[in-house]
Amino acid sequence: MAVELPQGTHNAQPFRDGVLFNDSEDNVLRYTGRGEGEEDRAMAMPKYNPDKLTHKTEDQKLARPGFARGLCPISSSVVAGGASPSTVSLYDLAQNKMLVSVQLSNDVRNAIHGLEVWPF
């Protein structure tokens, strides 16, 4: 399989019959199947109240809310995604929706990078 990924892609990995990845430029988790696009998904990172965020800067290229980073398949349809500020969310690809999201910090400099199902 070969695929062109957008600039700013993180955590790209084969998944089912396509590719699962974080599109950090657009703040979304994406799944792209091999078919005609009927399975393609783009699910947004959570939104945050800007008044509660800390360590914001004018240049939001990296340290910004919604920066998609960290990705872990849980099942054939549910995946976990990380984001800034320190958030882990579960997404259901079959239903094309976010199931739950937990935010651990308001510091936009911190993003959840490494996700893994435990025990291994």
PDB file of N, CA and C in Angstrom:
ATOM      1  N   MET A   1       0.847  -1.165   0.000  1.00  0.00           N
ATOM      2  CA  MET A   1       0.000   0.000   0.000  1.00  0.00           C
ATOM      3  C   MET A   1       0.898   1.236   0.000  1.00  0.00           C
ATOM      4  N   ALA A   2       0.525   2.234  -0.758  1.00  0.00           N
ATOM      5  CA  ALA A   2       1.212   3.529  -0.756  1.00  0.00           C
ATOM      6  C   ALA A   2       0.154   4.613  -0.620  1.00  0.00           C
ATOM      7  N   VAL A   3       0.492   5.653   0.124  1.00  0.00           N
ATOM      8  CA  VAL A   3      -0.475   6.731   0.347  1.00  0.00           C
ATOM      9  C   VAL A   3       0.278   8.050   0.493  1.00  0.00           C
ATOM     10  N   GLU A   4      -0.301   9.116  -0.038  1.00  0.00           N
ATOM     11  CA  GLU A   4       0.247  10.453   0.183  1.00  0.00           C
ATOM     12  C   GLU A   4      -0.422  11.037   1.415  1.00  0.00           C
ATOM     13  N   LEU A   5       0.393  11.499   2.348  1.00  0.00           N
ATOM     14  CA  LEU A   5      -0.129  12.069   3.588  1.00  0.00           C
ATOM     15  C   LEU A   5       0.071  13.576   3.581  1.00  0.00           C
ATOM     16  N   PRO A   6      -0.854  14.317   4.187  1.00  0.00           N
ATOM     17  CA  PRO A   6      -0.702  15.774   4.223  1.00  0.00           C
ATOM     18  C   PRO A   6       0.464  16.197   5.117  1.00  0.00           C
ATOM     19  N   GLN A   7       0.992  17.380   4.844  1.00  0.00           N
ATOM     20  CA  GLN A   7       2.038  17.934   5.701  1.00  0.00           C
ATOM     21  C   GLN A   7       1.484  18.069   7.115  1.00  0.00           C
ATOM     22  N   GLY A   8       2.314  17.775   8.098  1.00  0.00           N
ATOM     23  CA  GLY A   8       1.870  17.867   9.486  1.00  0.00           C
ATOM     24  C   GLY A   8       1.249  16.591  10.009  1.00  0.00           C
ATOM     25  N   THR A   9       1.405  15.485   9.272  1.00  0.00           N
ATOM     26  CA  THR A   9       0.860  14.199   9.702  1.00  0.00           C
ATOM     27  C   THR A   9       1.705  13.605  10.824  1.00  0.00           C
ATOM     28  N   HIS A  10       1.042  13.030  11.812  1.00  0.00           N
ATOM     29  CA  HIS A  10       1.710  12.321  12.899  1.00  0.00           C
ATOM     30  C   HIS A  10       1.031  10.967  13.099  1.00  0.00           C
ATOM     31  N   ASN A  11       1.809  10.004  13.560  1.00  0.00           N
ATOM     32  CA  ASN A  11       1.307   8.696  14.004  1.00  0.00           C
ATOM     33  C   ASN A  11       0.625   7.879  12.910  1.00  0.00           C
ATOM     34  N   ALA A  12       0.994   8.063  11.651  1.00  0.00           N
ATOM     35  CA  ALA A  12       0.375   7.305  10.559  1.00  0.00           C
ATOM     36  C   ALA A  12       0.655   5.815  10.726  1.00  0.00           C
ATOM     37  N   GLN A  13      -0.391   5.015  10.494  1.00  0.00           N
ATOM     38  CA  GLN A  13      -0.245   3.565  10.632  1.00  0.00           C
ATOM     39  C   GLN A  13      -1.296   2.845   9.802  1.00  0.00           C
ATOM     40  N   PRO A  14      -0.949   1.651   9.270  1.00  0.00           N
ATOM     41  CA  PRO A  14      -1.967   0.860   8.582  1.00  0.00           C
ATOM     42  C   PRO A  14      -3.073   0.503   9.572  1.00  0.00           C
ATOM     43  N   PHE A  15      -4.304   0.547   9.097  1.00  0.00           N
ATOM     44  CA  PHE A  15      -5.450   0.212   9.946  1.00  0.00           C
ATOM     45  C   PHE A  15      -6.545  -0.342   9.052  1.00  0.00           C
ATOM     46  N   ARG A  16      -7.027  -1.520   9.381  1.00  0.00           N
ATOM     47  CA  ARG A  16      -8.011  -2.229   8.560  1.00  0.00           C
ATOM     48  C   ARG A  16      -7.505  -2.262   7.114  1.00  0.00           C
ATOM     49  N   ASP A  17      -8.256  -1.713   6.173  1.00  0.00           N
ATOM     50  CA  ASP A  17      -7.785  -1.734   4.779  1.00  0.00           C
ATOM     51  C   ASP A  17      -7.315  -0.354   4.321  1.00  0.00           C
ATOM     52  N   GLY A  18      -6.929   0.507   5.268  1.00  0.00           N
ATOM     53  CA  GLY A  18      -6.502   1.856   4.910  1.00  0.00           C
ATOM     54  C   GLY A  18      -5.420   2.379   5.828  1.00  0.00           C
ATOM     55  N   VAL A  19      -5.467   3.682   6.077  1.00  0.00           N
ATOM     56  CA  VAL A  19      -4.463   4.358   6.895  1.00  0.00           C
ATOM     57  C   VAL A  19      -5.158   5.233   7.929  1.00  0.00           C
ATOM     58  N   LEU A  20      -4.667   5.151   9.162  1.00  0.00           N
ATOM     59  CA  LEU A  20      -5.155   5.954  10.278  1.00  0.00           C
ATOM     60  C   LEU A  20      -4.044   6.925  10.649  1.00  0.00           C
ATOM     61  N   PHE A  21      -4.370   8.215  10.825  1.00  0.00           N
ATOM     62  CA  PHE A  21      -3.329   9.183  11.171  1.00  0.00           C
ATOM     63  C   PHE A  21      -3.915  10.445  11.784  1.00  0.00           C
ATOM     64  N   ASN A  22      -3.041  11.182  12.467  1.00  0.00           N
ATOM     65  CA  ASN A  22      -3.397  12.500  12.989  1.00  0.00           C
ATOM     66  C   ASN A  22      -2.982  13.545  11.969  1.00  0.00           C
ATOM     67  N   ASP A  23      -3.922  14.346  11.533  1.00  0.00           N
ATOM     68  CA  ASP A  23      -3.644  15.480  10.653  1.00  0.00           C
ATOM     69  C   ASP A  23      -3.507  16.694  11.567  1.00  0.00           C
ATOM     70  N   SER A  24      -2.291  16.931  12.036  1.00  0.00           N
ATOM     71  CA  SER A  24      -2.056  17.974  13.039  1.00  0.00           C
ATOM     72  C   SER A  24      -2.205  19.378  12.484  1.00  0.00           C
ATOM     73  N   GLU A  25      -2.095  19.550  11.166  1.00  0.00           N
ATOM     74  CA  GLU A  25      -2.303  20.868  10.560  1.00  0.00           C
ATOM     75  C   GLU A  25      -3.775  21.275  10.658  1.00  0.00           C
ATOM     76  N   ASP A  26      -4.676  20.298  10.492  1.00  0.00           N
ATOM     77  CA  ASP A  26      -6.115  20.583  10.515  1.00  0.00           C
ATOM     78  C   ASP A  26      -6.791  20.183  11.823  1.00  0.00           C
ATOM     79  N   ASN A  27      -6.010  19.718  12.813  1.00  0.00           N
ATOM     80  CA  ASN A  27      -6.545  19.346  14.133  1.00  0.00           C
ATOM     81  C   ASN A  27      -7.617  18.263  14.060  1.00  0.00           C
ATOM     82  N   VAL A  28      -7.367  17.247  13.239  1.00  0.00           N
ATOM     83  CA  VAL A  28      -8.327  16.147  13.114  1.00  0.00           C
ATOM     84  C   VAL A  28      -7.614  14.799  13.111  1.00  0.00           C
ATOM     85  N   LEU A  29      -8.342  13.777  13.519  1.00  0.00           N
ATOM     86  CA  LEU A  29      -7.932  12.388  13.383  1.00  0.00           C
ATOM     87  C   LEU A  29      -8.573  11.896  12.095  1.00  0.00           C
ATOM     88  N   ARG A  30      -7.792  11.272  11.220  1.00  0.00           N
ATOM     89  CA  ARG A  30      -8.324  10.825   9.927  1.00  0.00           C
ATOM     90  C   ARG A  30      -8.144   9.323   9.730  1.00  0.00           C
ATOM     91  N   TYR A  31      -9.143   8.739   9.075  1.00  0.00           N
ATOM     92  CA  TYR A  31      -9.026   7.382   8.557  1.00  0.00           C
ATOM     93  C   TYR A  31      -9.382   7.448   7.085  1.00  0.00           C
ATOM     94  N   THR A  32      -8.524   6.859   6.253  1.00  0.00           N
ATOM     95  CA  THR A  32      -8.772   6.811   4.819  1.00  0.00           C
ATOM     96  C   THR A  32      -8.688   5.367   4.377  1.00  0.00           C
ATOM     97  N   GLY A  33      -9.799   4.848   3.842  1.00  0.00           N
ATOM     98  CA  GLY A  33      -9.833   3.477   3.345  1.00  0.00           C
ATOM     99  C   GLY A  33      -9.415   3.424   1.889  1.00  0.00           C
ATOM    100  N   ARG A  34      -9.302   2.217   1.369  1.00  0.00           N
ATOM    101  CA  ARG A  34      -8.898   2.031  -0.030  1.00  0.00           C
ATOM    102  C   ARG A  34     -10.050   2.221  -1.004  1.00  0.00           C
ATOM    103  N   GLY A  35     -11.261   2.237  -0.536  1.00  0.00           N
ATOM    104  CA  GLY A  35     -12.428   2.296  -1.414  1.00  0.00           C
ATOM    105  C   GLY A  35     -12.628   3.651  -2.071  1.00  0.00           C
ATOM    106  N   GLU A  36     -13.859   3.947  -2.376  1.00  0.00           N
ATOM    107  CA  GLU A  36     -14.228   5.173  -3.081  1.00  0.00           C
ATOM    108  C   GLU A  36     -14.498   6.338  -2.144  1.00  0.00           C
ATOM    109  N   GLY A  37     -14.104   6.237  -0.896  1.00  0.00           N
ATOM    110  CA  GLY A  37     -14.276   7.339   0.037  1.00  0.00           C
ATOM    111  C   GLY A  37     -15.418   7.170   1.012  1.00  0.00           C
ATOM    112  N   GLU A  38     -16.217   6.110   0.867  1.00  0.00           N
ATOM    113  CA  GLU A  38     -17.359   5.934   1.769  1.00  0.00           C
ATOM    114  C   GLU A  38     -16.926   5.660   3.206  1.00  0.00           C
ATOM    115  N   GLU A  39     -15.698   5.171   3.402  1.00  0.00           N
ATOM    116  CA  GLU A  39     -15.202   4.914   4.758  1.00  0.00           C
ATOM    117  C   GLU A  39     -14.341   6.043   5.300  1.00  0.00           C
ATOM    118  N   ASP A  40     -14.027   7.042   4.510  1.00  0.00           N
ATOM    119  CA  ASP A  40     -13.135   8.114   4.952  1.00  0.00           C
ATOM    120  C   ASP A  40     -13.755   8.909   6.096  1.00  0.00           C
ATOM    121  N   ARG A  41     -12.929   9.218   7.087  1.00  0.00           N
ATOM    122  CA  ARG A  41     -13.374   9.943   8.276  1.00  0.00           C
ATOM    123  C   ARG A  41     -12.401  11.067   8.596  1.00  0.00           C
ATOM    124  N   ALA A  42     -12.928  12.163   9.134  1.00  0.00           N
ATOM    125  CA  ALA A  42     -12.115  13.264   9.669  1.00  0.00           C
ATOM    126  C   ALA A  42     -12.839  13.758  10.913  1.00  0.00           C
ATOM    127  N   MET A  43     -12.309  13.390  12.077  1.00  0.00           N
ATOM    128  CA  MET A  43     -12.969  13.735  13.336  1.00  0.00           C
ATOM    129  C   MET A  43     -12.154  14.775  14.091  1.00  0.00           C
ATOM    130  N   ALA A  44     -12.811  15.866  14.434  1.00  0.00           N
ATOM    131  CA  ALA A  44     -12.139  17.014  15.044  1.00  0.00           C
ATOM    132  C   ALA A  44     -11.672  16.728  16.464  1.00  0.00           C
ATOM    133  N   MET A  45     -10.556  17.352  16.804  1.00  0.00           N
ATOM    134  CA  MET A  45     -10.082  17.333  18.186  1.00  0.00           C
ATOM    135  C   MET A  45     -11.066  18.150  19.027  1.00  0.00           C
ATOM    136  N   PRO A  46     -11.108  17.927  20.326  1.00  0.00           N
ATOM    137  CA  PRO A  46     -12.028  18.693  21.181  1.00  0.00           C
ATOM    138  C   PRO A  46     -11.751  20.194  21.116  1.00  0.00           C
ATOM    139  N   LYS A  47     -12.774  20.976  21.401  1.00  0.00           N
ATOM    140  CA  LYS A  47     -12.651  22.439  21.490  1.00  0.00           C
ATOM    141  C   LYS A  47     -12.514  22.820  22.957  1.00  0.00           C
ATOM    142  N   TYR A  48     -11.808  23.924  23.209  1.00  0.00           N
ATOM    143  CA  TYR A  48     -11.513  24.347  24.575  1.00  0.00           C
ATOM    144  C   TYR A  48     -11.891  25.804  24.767  1.00  0.00           C
ATOM    145  N   ASN A  49     -12.247  26.168  25.984  1.00  0.00           N
ATOM    146  CA  ASN A  49     -12.524  27.557  26.332  1.00  0.00           C
ATOM    147  C   ASN A  49     -11.191  28.305  26.360  1.00  0.00           C
ATOM    148  N   PRO A  50     -10.961  29.251  25.434  1.00  0.00           N
ATOM    149  CA  PRO A  50      -9.673  29.941  25.368  1.00  0.00           C
ATOM    150  C   PRO A  50      -9.319  30.699  26.640  1.00  0.00           C
ATOM    151  N   ASP A  51     -10.315  31.129  27.401  1.00  0.00           N
ATOM    152  CA  ASP A  51     -10.050  31.878  28.635  1.00  0.00           C
ATOM    153  C   ASP A  51      -9.417  31.007  29.722  1.00  0.00           C
ATOM    154  N   LYS A  52      -9.585  29.689  29.616  1.00  0.00           N
ATOM    155  CA  LYS A  52      -9.048  28.785  30.635  1.00  0.00           C
ATOM    156  C   LYS A  52      -7.677  28.211  30.263  1.00  0.00           C
ATOM    157  N   LEU A  53      -7.245  28.403  29.022  1.00  0.00           N
ATOM    158  CA  LEU A  53      -5.972  27.843  28.580  1.00  0.00           C
ATOM    159  C   LEU A  53      -4.801  28.658  29.101  1.00  0.00           C
ATOM    160  N   THR A  54      -3.701  27.969  29.406  1.00  0.00           N
ATOM    161  CA  THR A  54      -2.500  28.648  29.902  1.00  0.00           C
ATOM    162  C   THR A  54      -1.353  28.486  28.905  1.00  0.00           C
ATOM    163  N   HIS A  55      -0.356  29.354  29.034  1.00  0.00           N
ATOM    164  CA  HIS A  55       0.863  29.340  28.228  1.00  0.00           C
ATOM    165  C   HIS A  55       0.579  29.466  26.736  1.00  0.00           C
ATOM    166  N   LYS A  56      -0.393  30.289  26.386  1.00  0.00           N
ATOM    167  CA  LYS A  56      -0.684  30.569  24.979  1.00  0.00           C
ATOM    168  C   LYS A  56       0.364  31.546  24.450  1.00  0.00           C
ATOM    169  N   THR A  57       0.671  31.431  23.162  1.00  0.00           N
ATOM    170  CA  THR A  57       1.601  32.354  22.516  1.00  0.00           C
ATOM    171  C   THR A  57       0.967  32.873  21.234  1.00  0.00           C
ATOM    172  N   GLU A  58       1.525  33.951  20.718  1.00  0.00           N
ATOM    173  CA  GLU A  58       1.030  34.494  19.446  1.00  0.00           C
ATOM    174  C   GLU A  58       1.268  33.498  18.311  1.00  0.00           C
ATOM    175  N   ASP A  59       2.451  32.884  18.302  1.00  0.00           N
ATOM    176  CA  ASP A  59       2.796  31.903  17.280  1.00  0.00           C
ATOM    177  C   ASP A  59       2.252  30.546  17.718  1.00  0.00           C
ATOM    178  N   GLN A  60       1.164  30.109  17.099  1.00  0.00           N
ATOM    179  CA  GLN A  60       0.510  28.866  17.514  1.00  0.00           C
ATOM    180  C   GLN A  60       0.824  27.706  16.566  1.00  0.00           C
ATOM    181  N   LYS A  61       2.022  27.696  15.996  1.00  0.00           N
ATOM    182  CA  LYS A  61       2.367  26.616  15.076  1.00  0.00           C
ATOM    183  C   LYS A  61       2.451  25.263  15.782  1.00  0.00           C
ATOM    184  N   LEU A  62       2.999  25.248  16.993  1.00  0.00           N
ATOM    185  CA  LEU A  62       3.126  23.980  17.720  1.00  0.00           C
ATOM    186  C   LEU A  62       2.344  23.980  19.019  1.00  0.00           C
ATOM    187  N   ALA A  63       2.590  24.938  19.888  1.00  0.00           N
ATOM    188  CA  ALA A  63       1.901  24.979  21.189  1.00  0.00           C
ATOM    189  C   ALA A  63       0.552  25.659  21.016  1.00  0.00           C
ATOM    190  N   ARG A  64      -0.441  24.848  20.650  1.00  0.00           N
ATOM    191  CA  ARG A  64      -1.776  25.396  20.411  1.00  0.00           C
ATOM    192  C   ARG A  64      -2.826  24.351  20.776  1.00  0.00           C
ATOM    193  N   PRO A  65      -4.002  24.808  21.132  1.00  0.00           N
ATOM    194  CA  PRO A  65      -5.065  23.857  21.457  1.00  0.00           C
ATOM    195  C   PRO A  65      -5.488  23.064  20.222  1.00  0.00           C
ATOM    196  N   GLY A  66      -5.782  21.793  20.430  1.00  0.00           N
ATOM    197  CA  GLY A  66      -6.262  20.949  19.347  1.00  0.00           C
ATOM    198  C   GLY A  66      -5.179  20.269  18.537  1.00  0.00           C
ATOM    199  N   PHE A  67      -3.908  20.504  18.867  1.00  0.00           N
ATOM    200  CA  PHE A  67      -2.804  19.870  18.145  1.00  0.00           C
ATOM    201  C   PHE A  67      -2.938  18.360  18.291  1.00  0.00           C
ATOM    202  N   ALA A  68      -3.204  17.665  17.192  1.00  0.00           N
ATOM    203  CA  ALA A  68      -3.469  16.223  17.205  1.00  0.00           C
ATOM    204  C   ALA A  68      -2.166  15.442  17.258  1.00  0.00           C
ATOM    205  N   ARG A  69      -1.990  14.654  18.323  1.00  0.00           N
ATOM    206  CA  ARG A  69      -0.744  13.904  18.497  1.00  0.00           C
ATOM    207  C   ARG A  69      -1.008  12.740  19.438  1.00  0.00           C
ATOM    208  N   GLY A  70      -0.632  11.548  19.043  1.00  0.00           N
ATOM    209  CA  GLY A  70      -0.872  10.350  19.833  1.00  0.00           C
ATOM    210  C   GLY A  70      -2.070   9.606  19.270  1.00  0.00           C
ATOM    211  N   LEU A  71      -1.889   8.305  18.990  1.00  0.00           N
ATOM    212  CA  LEU A  71      -2.942   7.551  18.327  1.00  0.00           C
ATOM    213  C   LEU A  71      -2.795   6.075  18.669  1.00  0.00           C
ATOM    214  N   CYS A  72      -3.912   5.437  19.011  1.00  0.00           N
ATOM    215  CA  CYS A  72      -3.858   4.034  19.408  1.00  0.00           C
ATOM    216  C   CYS A  72      -5.180   3.343  19.077  1.00  0.00           C
ATOM    217  N   PRO A  73      -5.165   2.343  18.188  1.00  0.00           N
ATOM    218  CA  PRO A  73      -6.381   1.557  17.954  1.00  0.00           C
ATOM    219  C   PRO A  73      -6.762   0.773  19.213  1.00  0.00           C
ATOM    220  N   ILE A  74      -8.040   0.799  19.546  1.00  0.00           N
ATOM    221  CA  ILE A  74      -8.571   0.050  20.688  1.00  0.00           C
ATOM    222  C   ILE A  74      -9.270  -1.214  20.196  1.00  0.00           C
ATOM    223  N   SER A  75      -9.989  -1.078  19.076  1.00  0.00           N
ATOM    224  CA  SER A  75     -10.679  -2.201  18.446  1.00  0.00           C
ATOM    225  C   SER A  75     -10.713  -1.926  16.943  1.00  0.00           C
ATOM    226  N   SER A  76     -11.491  -2.693  16.199  1.00  0.00           N
ATOM    227  CA  SER A  76     -11.566  -2.475  14.751  1.00  0.00           C
ATOM    228  C   SER A  76     -12.349  -1.218  14.387  1.00  0.00           C
ATOM    229  N   SER A  77     -13.029  -0.603  15.362  1.00  0.00           N
ATOM    230  CA  SER A  77     -13.777   0.621  15.062  1.00  0.00           C
ATOM    231  C   SER A  77     -13.527   1.759  16.046  1.00  0.00           C
ATOM    232  N   VAL A  78     -12.911   1.482  17.191  1.00  0.00           N
ATOM    233  CA  VAL A  78     -12.670   2.526  18.199  1.00  0.00           C
ATOM    234  C   VAL A  78     -11.172   2.799  18.299  1.00  0.00           C
ATOM    235  N   VAL A  79     -10.817   4.097  18.267  1.00  0.00           N
ATOM    236  CA  VAL A  79      -9.416   4.501  18.408  1.00  0.00           C
ATOM    237  C   VAL A  79      -9.310   5.601  19.457  1.00  0.00           C
ATOM    238  N   ALA A  80      -8.149   5.651  20.111  1.00  0.00           N
ATOM    239  CA  ALA A  80      -7.852   6.721  21.064  1.00  0.00           C
ATOM    240  C   ALA A  80      -6.922   7.712  20.388  1.00  0.00           C
ATOM    241  N   GLY A  81      -7.186   8.997  20.600  1.00  0.00           N
ATOM    242  CA  GLY A  81      -6.337  10.045  20.049  1.00  0.00           C
ATOM    243  C   GLY A  81      -5.939  11.030  21.124  1.00  0.00           C
ATOM    244  N   GLY A  82      -4.711  11.524  21.037  1.00  0.00           N
ATOM    245  CA  GLY A  82      -4.221  12.517  21.980  1.00  0.00           C
ATOM    246  C   GLY A  82      -4.221  13.897  21.354  1.00  0.00           C
ATOM    247  N   ALA A  83      -4.246  14.928  22.203  1.00  0.00           N
ATOM    248  CA  ALA A  83      -4.253  16.304  21.710  1.00  0.00           C
ATOM    249  C   ALA A  83      -3.731  17.237  22.789  1.00  0.00           C
ATOM    250  N   SER A  84      -3.465  18.449  22.367  1.00  0.00           N
ATOM    251  CA  SER A  84      -3.088  19.520  23.286  1.00  0.00           C
ATOM    252  C   SER A  84      -4.341  20.321  23.600  1.00  0.00           C
ATOM    253  N   PRO A  85      -4.542  20.714  24.829  1.00  0.00           N
ATOM    254  CA  PRO A  85      -3.737  20.491  26.012  1.00  0.00           C
ATOM    255  C   PRO A  85      -4.091  19.181  26.715  1.00  0.00           C
ATOM    256  N   SER A  86      -3.131  18.312  26.838  1.00  0.00           N
ATOM    257  CA  SER A  86      -3.200  17.059  27.616  1.00  0.00           C
ATOM    258  C   SER A  86      -4.580  16.414  27.622  1.00  0.00           C
ATOM    259  N   THR A  87      -5.027  15.986  26.443  1.00  0.00           N
ATOM    260  CA  THR A  87      -6.356  15.406  26.296  1.00  0.00           C
ATOM    261  C   THR A  87      -6.269  14.047  25.617  1.00  0.00           C
ATOM    262  N   VAL A  88      -7.047  13.089  26.099  1.00  0.00           N
ATOM    263  CA  VAL A  88      -7.209  11.794  25.442  1.00  0.00           C
ATOM    264  C   VAL A  88      -8.687  11.653  25.102  1.00  0.00           C
ATOM    265  N   SER A  89      -8.963  11.298  23.847  1.00  0.00           N
ATOM    266  CA  SER A  89     -10.347  11.130  23.396  1.00  0.00           C
ATOM    267  C   SER A  89     -10.504   9.777  22.724  1.00  0.00           C
ATOM    268  N   LEU A  90     -11.689   9.188  22.855  1.00  0.00           N
ATOM    269  CA  LEU A  90     -12.029   7.958  22.145  1.00  0.00           C
ATOM    270  C   LEU A  90     -12.979   8.303  21.012  1.00  0.00           C
ATOM    271  N   TYR A  91     -12.686   7.752  19.836  1.00  0.00           N
ATOM    272  CA  TYR A  91     -13.487   8.005  18.641  1.00  0.00           C
ATOM    273  C   TYR A  91     -14.027   6.693  18.103  1.00  0.00           C
ATOM    274  N   ASP A  92     -15.283   6.704  17.673  1.00  0.00           N
ATOM    275  CA  ASP A  92     -15.899   5.550  17.035  1.00  0.00           C
ATOM    276  C   ASP A  92     -15.914   5.812  15.535  1.00  0.00           C
ATOM    277  N   LEU A  93     -15.078   5.092  14.788  1.00  0.00           N
ATOM    278  CA  LEU A  93     -15.005   5.304  13.343  1.00  0.00           C
ATOM    279  C   LEU A  93     -16.292   4.885  12.645  1.00  0.00           C
ATOM    280  N   ALA A  94     -16.920   3.803  13.108  1.00  0.00           N
ATOM    281  CA  ALA A  94     -18.149   3.320  12.474  1.00  0.00           C
ATOM    282  C   ALA A  94     -19.267   4.349  12.577  1.00  0.00           C
ATOM    283  N   GLN A  95     -19.362   5.017  13.729  1.00  0.00           N
ATOM    284  CA  GLN A  95     -20.412   6.017  13.934  1.00  0.00           C
ATOM    285  C   GLN A  95     -19.943   7.429  13.597  1.00  0.00           C
ATOM    286  N   ASN A  96     -18.647   7.571  13.277  1.00  0.00           N
ATOM    287  CA  ASN A  96     -18.068   8.863  12.914  1.00  0.00           C
ATOM    288  C   ASN A  96     -18.312   9.916  13.992  1.00  0.00           C
ATOM    289  N   LYS A  97     -17.992   9.540  15.252  1.00  0.00           N
ATOM    290  CA  LYS A  97     -18.206  10.497  16.340  1.00  0.00           C
ATOM    291  C   LYS A  97     -17.229  10.253  17.492  1.00  0.00           C
ATOM    292  N   MET A  98     -17.053  11.300  18.300  1.00  0.00           N
ATOM    293  CA  MET A  98     -16.256  11.185  19.513  1.00  0.00           C
ATOM    294  C   MET A  98     -17.133  10.568  20.598  1.00  0.00           C
ATOM    295  N   LEU A  99     -16.593   9.577  21.302  1.00  0.00           N
ATOM    296  CA  LEU A  99     -17.345   8.917  22.366  1.00  0.00           C
ATOM    297  C   LEU A  99     -17.159   9.608  23.707  1.00  0.00           C
ATOM    298  N   VAL A 100     -15.918   9.924  24.050  1.00  0.00           N
ATOM    299  CA  VAL A 100     -15.611  10.534  25.338  1.00  0.00           C
ATOM    300  C   VAL A 100     -14.266  11.238  25.222  1.00  0.00           C
ATOM    301  N   SER A 101     -14.069  12.240  26.069  1.00  0.00           N
ATOM    302  CA  SER A 101     -12.814  12.984  26.068  1.00  0.00           C
ATOM    303  C   SER A 101     -12.466  13.375  27.500  1.00  0.00           C
ATOM    304  N   VAL A 102     -11.178  13.225  27.864  1.00  0.00           N
ATOM    305  CA  VAL A 102     -10.706  13.588  29.197  1.00  0.00           C
ATOM    306  C   VAL A 102      -9.545  14.564  29.042  1.00  0.00           C
ATOM    307  N   GLN A 103      -9.693  15.746  29.629  1.00  0.00           N
ATOM    308  CA  GLN A 103      -8.651  16.773  29.586  1.00  0.00           C
ATOM    309  C   GLN A 103      -7.958  16.813  30.943  1.00  0.00           C
ATOM    310  N   LEU A 104      -6.627  16.670  30.946  1.00  0.00           N
ATOM    311  CA  LEU A 104      -5.859  16.594  32.186  1.00  0.00           C
ATOM    312  C   LEU A 104      -5.194  17.907  32.576  1.00  0.00           C
ATOM    313  N   SER A 105      -5.106  18.850  31.658  1.00  0.00           N
ATOM    314  CA  SER A 105      -4.405  20.108  31.917  1.00  0.00           C
ATOM    315  C   SER A 105      -4.926  21.188  30.979  1.00  0.00           C
ATOM    316  N   ASN A 106      -4.680  22.447  31.323  1.00  0.00           N
ATOM    317  CA  ASN A 106      -5.016  23.573  30.448  1.00  0.00           C
ATOM    318  C   ASN A 106      -3.780  24.169  29.783  1.00  0.00           C
ATOM    319  N   ASP A 107      -2.610  23.586  30.011  1.00  0.00           N
ATOM    320  CA  ASP A 107      -1.345  24.081  29.470  1.00  0.00           C
ATOM    321  C   ASP A 107      -1.198  23.616  28.019  1.00  0.00           C
ATOM    322  N   VAL A 108      -1.289  24.555  27.056  1.00  0.00           N
ATOM    323  CA  VAL A 108      -1.259  24.191  25.638  1.00  0.00           C
ATOM    324  C   VAL A 108       0.093  23.641  25.185  1.00  0.00           C
ATOM    325  N   ARG A 109       1.114  23.758  26.006  1.00  0.00           N
ATOM    326  CA  ARG A 109       2.428  23.215  25.640  1.00  0.00           C
ATOM    327  C   ARG A 109       2.476  21.699  25.780  1.00  0.00           C
ATOM    328  N   ASN A 110       1.489  21.116  26.439  1.00  0.00           N
ATOM    329  CA  ASN A 110       1.487  19.678  26.703  1.00  0.00           C
ATOM    330  C   ASN A 110       0.461  18.962  25.836  1.00  0.00           C
ATOM    331  N   ALA A 111       0.929  17.943  25.120  1.00  0.00           N
ATOM    332  CA  ALA A 111       0.047  17.109  24.305  1.00  0.00           C
ATOM    333  C   ALA A 111       0.310  15.648  24.648  1.00  0.00           C
ATOM    334  N   ILE A 112      -0.710  14.829  24.538  1.00  0.00           N
ATOM    335  CA  ILE A 112      -0.577  13.400  24.783  1.00  0.00           C
ATOM    336  C   ILE A 112       0.028  12.768  23.529  1.00  0.00           C
ATOM    337  N   HIS A 113       1.251  12.256  23.640  1.00  0.00           N
ATOM    338  CA  HIS A 113       1.942  11.693  22.482  1.00  0.00           C
ATOM    339  C   HIS A 113       1.872  10.171  22.429  1.00  0.00           C
ATOM    340  N   GLY A 114       2.236   9.507  23.511  1.00  0.00           N
ATOM    341  CA  GLY A 114       2.321   8.052  23.500  1.00  0.00           C
ATOM    342  C   GLY A 114       1.082   7.414  24.097  1.00  0.00           C
ATOM    343  N   LEU A 115       0.346   6.690  23.286  1.00  0.00           N
ATOM    344  CA  LEU A 115      -0.846   5.976  23.755  1.00  0.00           C
ATOM    345  C   LEU A 115      -0.677   4.500  23.439  1.00  0.00           C
ATOM    346  N   GLU A 116      -1.088   3.659  24.364  1.00  0.00           N
ATOM    347  CA  GLU A 116      -0.991   2.219  24.166  1.00  0.00           C
ATOM    348  C   GLU A 116      -2.044   1.536  25.023  1.00  0.00           C
ATOM    349  N   VAL A 117      -2.602   0.443  24.508  1.00  0.00           N
ATOM    350  CA  VAL A 117      -3.521  -0.373  25.295  1.00  0.00           C
ATOM    351  C   VAL A 117      -2.679  -1.146  26.303  1.00  0.00           C
ATOM    352  N   TRP A 118      -3.110  -1.140  27.572  1.00  0.00           N
ATOM    353  CA  TRP A 118      -2.370  -1.835  28.619  1.00  0.00           C
ATOM    354  C   TRP A 118      -3.327  -2.736  29.387  1.00  0.00           C
ATOM    355  N   PRO A 119      -3.003  -3.938  29.761  1.00  0.00           N
ATOM    356  CA  PRO A 119      -1.674  -4.542  29.593  1.00  0.00           C
ATOM    357  C   PRO A 119      -1.454  -4.947  28.143  1.00  0.00           C
ATOM    358  N   PHE A 120      -0.177  -4.997  27.757  1.00  0.00           N
ATOM    359  CA  PHE A 120       0.188  -5.268  26.359  1.00  0.00           C
ATOM    360  C   PHE A 120      -0.121  -6.696  26.003  1.00  0.00           C
TER     361      PHE A 120
END
